[in-house]
Amino acid sequence: MIYVVGIKVFTRLRTHHHTKAAFPGVTFATLVTCLAVTIPAAELFYRLVELPSKSVAHRFFDVMTK
């Protein structure tokens, strides 16, 4: 998903913009965009997937060891 966002930003700035932006500027803008998407996505994944799965695993382990 992040790769798709980065590619869309890169192609939009590089080809569809009226004044074609320079390659280093476009790559930097793509990097910043990918970081801005990656960090919140990682936090969201941690809170929605990682923490609940840890909780379920601990409960399952407690049931198995009793």
Protein backbone atom coordinates (compact mmCIF):
# COMPACT_ATOMS: atom_id res chain seq x y z
CA MET A 1 0.00 0.00 0.00
CA ILE A 2 2.78 2.40 0.89
CA TYR A 3 4.61 1.48 -2.29
CA VAL A 4 1.50 2.32 -4.31
CA VAL A 5 1.21 5.71 -2.60
CA GLY A 6 4.88 6.45 -3.28
CA ILE A 7 4.64 5.47 -6.93
CA LYS A 8 1.52 7.59 -7.42
CA VAL A 9 3.19 10.62 -5.86
CA PHE A 10 6.31 10.11 -7.95
CA THR A 11 4.50 9.70 -11.27
CA ARG A 12 2.10 12.55 -10.53
CA LEU A 13 4.93 14.97 -9.78
CA ARG A 14 7.17 13.71 -12.55
CA THR A 15 4.76 13.44 -15.46
CA HIS A 16 1.37 15.04 -14.79
CA HIS A 17 2.59 18.28 -13.27
CA HIS A 18 2.62 21.23 -15.68
CA THR A 19 6.22 22.08 -14.80
CA LYS A 20 8.10 18.81 -14.65
CA ALA A 21 9.85 18.69 -11.32
CA ALA A 22 13.50 17.72 -11.02
CA PHE A 23 14.27 14.11 -10.18
CA PRO A 24 15.98 14.78 -6.79
CA GLY A 25 13.08 16.94 -5.63
CA VAL A 26 10.53 14.37 -6.69
CA THR A 27 12.36 11.54 -4.95
CA PHE A 28 12.62 13.59 -1.76
CA ALA A 29 8.91 14.42 -1.86
CA THR A 30 8.18 10.72 -2.39
CA LEU A 31 10.38 9.81 0.59
CA VAL A 32 8.63 12.31 2.84
CA THR A 33 5.22 11.08 1.68
CA CYS A 34 6.14 7.44 2.28
CA LEU A 35 7.41 8.24 5.78
CA ALA A 36 4.27 10.23 6.53
CA VAL A 37 2.18 7.20 5.54
CA THR A 38 4.40 4.50 7.07
CA ILE A 39 4.58 5.81 10.62
CA PRO A 40 0.80 6.16 11.21
CA ALA A 41 0.14 2.88 9.39
CA ALA A 42 2.62 1.07 11.64
CA GLU A 43 1.01 2.50 14.76
CA LEU A 44 -2.45 1.57 13.52
CA PHE A 45 -1.32 -1.98 12.72
CA TYR A 46 0.24 -2.29 16.17
CA ARG A 47 -2.91 -1.17 17.96
CA LEU A 48 -5.43 -3.06 15.79
CA VAL A 49 -3.55 -6.32 15.14
CA GLU A 50 -0.53 -6.79 17.38
CA LEU A 51 -1.99 -5.93 20.79
CA PRO A 52 -5.23 -7.93 20.38
CA SER A 53 -3.32 -10.97 19.09
CA LYS A 54 -0.98 -10.83 22.08
CA SER A 55 -3.94 -10.69 24.41
CA VAL A 56 -5.62 -13.66 22.74
CA ALA A 57 -2.36 -15.62 22.77
CA HIS A 58 -1.86 -15.02 26.50
CA ARG A 59 -5.43 -16.07 27.26
CA PHE A 60 -5.06 -19.19 25.13
CA PHE A 61 -1.79 -20.07 26.86
CA ASP A 62 -3.42 -19.64 30.27
CA VAL A 63 -6.24 -21.98 29.24
CA MET A 64 -3.77 -24.57 27.93
CA THR A 65 -1.62 -24.55 31.06
CA LYS A 66 -4.50 -24.91 33.54
